[in-house]
Amino acid sequence: MAKRYEMTQMDVDLAPSLMRKGSNSELIAHLIGTRQIAAKANVDDPNTLYACLEEYLKLCIEQNIKVTNMAAYAACGVSSTDVSNWERGLTRASDKRYKEFAQFIRSICSQYREQAMVEGIVSPVVGIWHQKNYDGMRDDPIVADITETGLEAKQDPEEIAAKYRGLLEVSDEEEGE
């Protein structure tokens, strides 16, 4: 049986500073607002998806809540799987409006996250994690295969000079011009 963690006085003293007063209620109110917006969504009409996204962004402004991918998708009445499938053309591929919407909603969330990092609202570590997991950012080191060509091959400097001497000499006629 696992040992149960017992709170210390330090835990009790720190607990209020970990979550500002009322923030749990604010988050729950935001979830309710997100679901109310989703009730207006019609997945068969991409225009309503854009309208729901705009209403979600306004809700975030009114409630001073950060924009997130999952909440944005939920406000539009769709899942992250739906958005991913639309973007990759796996579902609803015959209607390009769904792919455009998927790219748009991801772009909005990505732009928000990037700006939040720049403004110091989101820590760079968290922001970069989100960019890698949601925005497609990759840490791919560049691997270059450098092979030796004729110039870089080990040659005697005199051989190289003799090879290119004719190109460097200026004729008397060219000097007079």
Protein backbone atom coordinates (compact mmCIF):
# COMPACT_ATOMS: atom_id res chain seq x y z
CA MET A 1 0.00 0.00 0.00
CA ALA A 2 1.33 3.43 -0.96
CA LYS A 3 2.20 5.86 1.79
CA ARG A 4 -0.34 8.64 2.02
CA TYR A 5 1.01 12.18 1.72
CA GLU A 6 0.35 14.26 4.79
CA MET A 7 0.13 18.01 4.40
CA THR A 8 2.59 20.09 6.35
CA GLN A 9 2.03 23.59 7.72
CA MET A 10 4.13 24.88 4.83
CA ASP A 11 1.71 23.26 2.34
CA VAL A 12 -1.22 24.91 4.09
CA ASP A 13 0.53 28.29 4.06
CA LEU A 14 1.45 28.02 0.36
CA ALA A 15 -1.88 26.66 -0.89
CA PRO A 16 -3.66 30.02 -1.17
CA SER A 17 -0.82 31.46 -3.24
CA LEU A 18 -0.98 28.60 -5.74
CA MET A 19 -4.47 29.49 -6.92
CA ARG A 20 -5.91 32.96 -6.82
CA LYS A 21 -9.22 33.41 -5.06
CA GLY A 22 -12.16 32.55 -7.26
CA SER A 23 -10.10 31.14 -10.11
CA ASN A 24 -11.75 27.72 -9.91
CA SER A 25 -15.17 29.35 -10.27
CA GLU A 26 -13.89 31.42 -13.18
CA LEU A 27 -12.61 28.33 -14.98
CA ILE A 28 -15.88 26.49 -14.47
CA ALA A 29 -17.83 29.52 -15.72
CA HIS A 30 -15.58 29.52 -18.78
CA LEU A 31 -16.31 25.83 -19.41
CA ILE A 32 -20.04 26.51 -19.18
CA GLY A 33 -19.72 29.47 -21.56
CA THR A 34 -17.72 27.34 -23.99
CA ARG A 35 -20.45 24.66 -23.98
CA GLN A 36 -23.15 27.29 -24.51
CA ILE A 37 -21.32 28.50 -27.62
CA ALA A 38 -20.90 24.91 -28.84
CA ALA A 39 -24.68 24.43 -28.67
CA LYS A 40 -24.95 26.95 -31.55
CA ALA A 41 -22.42 25.12 -33.74
CA ASN A 42 -23.48 23.20 -36.80
CA VAL A 43 -20.61 20.97 -37.92
CA ASP A 44 -22.26 20.60 -41.32
CA ASP A 45 -21.91 24.37 -41.92
CA PRO A 46 -18.30 25.65 -41.71
CA ASN A 47 -19.58 29.24 -41.47
CA THR A 48 -21.05 28.51 -38.03
CA LEU A 49 -17.67 27.10 -36.94
CA TYR A 50 -16.02 30.45 -37.69
CA ALA A 51 -18.82 32.28 -35.84
CA CYS A 52 -18.42 30.01 -32.80
CA LEU A 53 -14.65 30.54 -32.79
CA GLU A 54 -15.14 34.31 -32.84
CA GLU A 55 -17.66 34.08 -29.99
CA TYR A 56 -15.21 31.90 -28.04
CA LEU A 57 -12.44 34.50 -28.46
CA LYS A 58 -14.81 37.21 -27.22
CA LEU A 59 -15.67 35.03 -24.21
CA CYS A 60 -11.94 34.74 -23.43
CA ILE A 61 -11.67 38.53 -23.52
CA GLU A 62 -14.73 39.03 -21.30
CA GLN A 63 -13.63 36.44 -18.75
CA ASN A 64 -9.89 37.18 -19.02
CA ILE A 65 -9.15 33.50 -19.71
CA LYS A 66 -6.31 32.26 -21.91
CA VAL A 67 -7.09 30.83 -25.36
CA THR A 68 -6.47 27.09 -25.65
CA ASN A 69 -6.76 24.65 -28.52
CA MET A 70 -9.04 22.20 -26.73
CA ALA A 71 -11.45 24.87 -25.50
CA ALA A 72 -11.51 26.52 -28.94
CA TYR A 73 -12.35 23.18 -30.54
CA ALA A 74 -15.01 22.47 -27.89
CA ALA A 75 -16.61 25.89 -28.44
CA CYS A 76 -16.96 24.97 -32.12
CA GLY A 77 -18.54 21.62 -31.22
CA VAL A 78 -15.63 19.60 -32.60
CA SER A 79 -12.77 17.54 -31.19
CA SER A 80 -9.03 17.70 -31.74
CA THR A 81 -9.40 14.51 -33.79
CA ASP A 82 -11.93 16.22 -36.07
CA VAL A 83 -9.62 19.18 -36.62
CA SER A 84 -6.61 16.95 -37.23
CA ASN A 85 -8.52 14.76 -39.69
CA TRP A 86 -9.85 17.78 -41.58
CA GLU A 87 -6.40 19.31 -41.80
CA ARG A 88 -4.91 16.09 -43.17
CA GLY A 89 -7.85 15.48 -45.51
CA LEU A 90 -8.88 12.21 -43.84
CA THR A 91 -12.50 13.27 -43.35
CA ARG A 92 -14.67 15.75 -45.23
CA ALA A 93 -11.92 15.91 -47.85
CA SER A 94 -14.40 16.80 -50.60
CA ASP A 95 -15.07 20.19 -48.97
CA LYS A 96 -11.91 22.31 -48.72
CA ARG A 97 -13.63 24.67 -46.27
CA TYR A 98 -13.07 22.15 -43.47
CA LYS A 99 -9.34 21.96 -44.12
CA GLU A 100 -9.20 25.78 -44.26
CA PHE A 101 -11.09 26.02 -40.96
CA ALA A 102 -8.79 23.48 -39.29
CA GLN A 103 -5.73 25.44 -40.40
CA PHE A 104 -7.35 28.70 -39.31
CA ILE A 105 -8.29 27.58 -35.79
CA ARG A 106 -4.85 26.07 -35.21
CA SER A 107 -3.24 29.24 -36.52
CA ILE A 108 -5.30 31.43 -34.15
CA CYS A 109 -4.31 29.30 -31.14
CA SER A 110 -0.68 29.22 -32.26
CA GLN A 111 -0.56 32.99 -32.72
CA TYR A 112 -2.05 33.51 -29.27
CA ARG A 113 0.46 31.16 -27.67
CA GLU A 114 3.42 32.78 -29.41
CA GLN A 115 2.28 36.27 -28.37
CA ALA A 116 1.69 35.07 -24.81
CA MET A 117 5.27 33.78 -24.70
CA VAL A 118 6.63 37.07 -26.02
CA GLU A 119 4.60 39.03 -23.44
CA GLY A 120 5.72 36.75 -20.59
CA ILE A 121 2.18 35.46 -19.94
CA VAL A 122 3.19 31.88 -20.77
CA SER A 123 6.61 30.55 -19.81
CA PRO A 124 8.85 29.75 -22.79
CA VAL A 125 9.14 26.12 -21.68
CA VAL A 126 5.36 25.63 -21.70
CA GLY A 127 4.99 27.66 -24.90
CA ILE A 128 7.61 25.67 -26.76
CA TRP A 129 6.02 22.42 -25.55
CA HIS A 130 2.70 23.60 -26.98
CA GLN A 131 4.35 24.67 -30.23
CA LYS A 132 5.91 21.23 -30.62
CA ASN A 133 2.74 19.34 -29.71
CA TYR A 134 0.12 21.54 -31.33
CA ASP A 135 1.83 23.78 -33.89
CA GLY A 136 4.19 21.38 -35.63
CA MET A 137 7.43 23.04 -34.50
CA ARG A 138 10.35 20.63 -34.67
CA ASP A 139 13.88 20.51 -33.33
CA ASP A 140 15.62 18.93 -36.27
CA PRO A 141 19.37 19.39 -36.25
CA ILE A 142 20.79 20.02 -39.67
CA VAL A 143 23.08 17.24 -40.79
CA ALA A 144 25.40 18.17 -43.63
CA ASP A 145 27.48 15.65 -45.52
CA ILE A 146 30.55 17.50 -46.69
CA THR A 147 32.64 15.58 -49.15
CA GLU A 148 35.98 16.75 -50.39
CA THR A 149 36.08 18.15 -53.89
CA GLY A 150 39.13 18.73 -56.00
CA LEU A 151 40.07 21.94 -54.18
CA GLU A 152 39.68 20.57 -50.67
CA ALA A 153 41.47 17.31 -51.42
CA LYS A 154 44.97 17.14 -50.12
CA GLN A 155 47.07 18.67 -52.84
CA ASP A 156 50.34 20.43 -52.94
CA PRO A 157 49.87 24.24 -52.94
CA GLU A 158 52.20 24.50 -55.94
CA GLU A 159 49.98 22.12 -57.95
CA ILE A 160 46.93 24.23 -57.17
CA ALA A 161 48.76 27.45 -58.06
CA ALA A 162 49.96 26.01 -61.38
CA LYS A 163 46.44 24.83 -62.22
CA TYR A 164 44.90 28.27 -61.74
CA ARG A 165 47.88 30.51 -62.67
CA GLY A 166 46.63 31.06 -66.21
CA LEU A 167 43.31 32.36 -64.94
CA LEU A 168 44.90 34.91 -62.66
CA GLU A 169 47.46 36.40 -65.03
CA VAL A 170 46.35 39.59 -66.71
CA SER A 171 47.49 40.13 -70.25
CA ASP A 172 49.26 43.34 -71.29
CA GLU A 173 46.32 44.28 -73.53
CA GLU A 174 43.82 44.05 -70.64
CA GLU A 175 46.04 46.20 -68.39
CA GLY A 176 46.17 49.03 -70.96
CA GLU A 177 42.42 49.45 -71.11
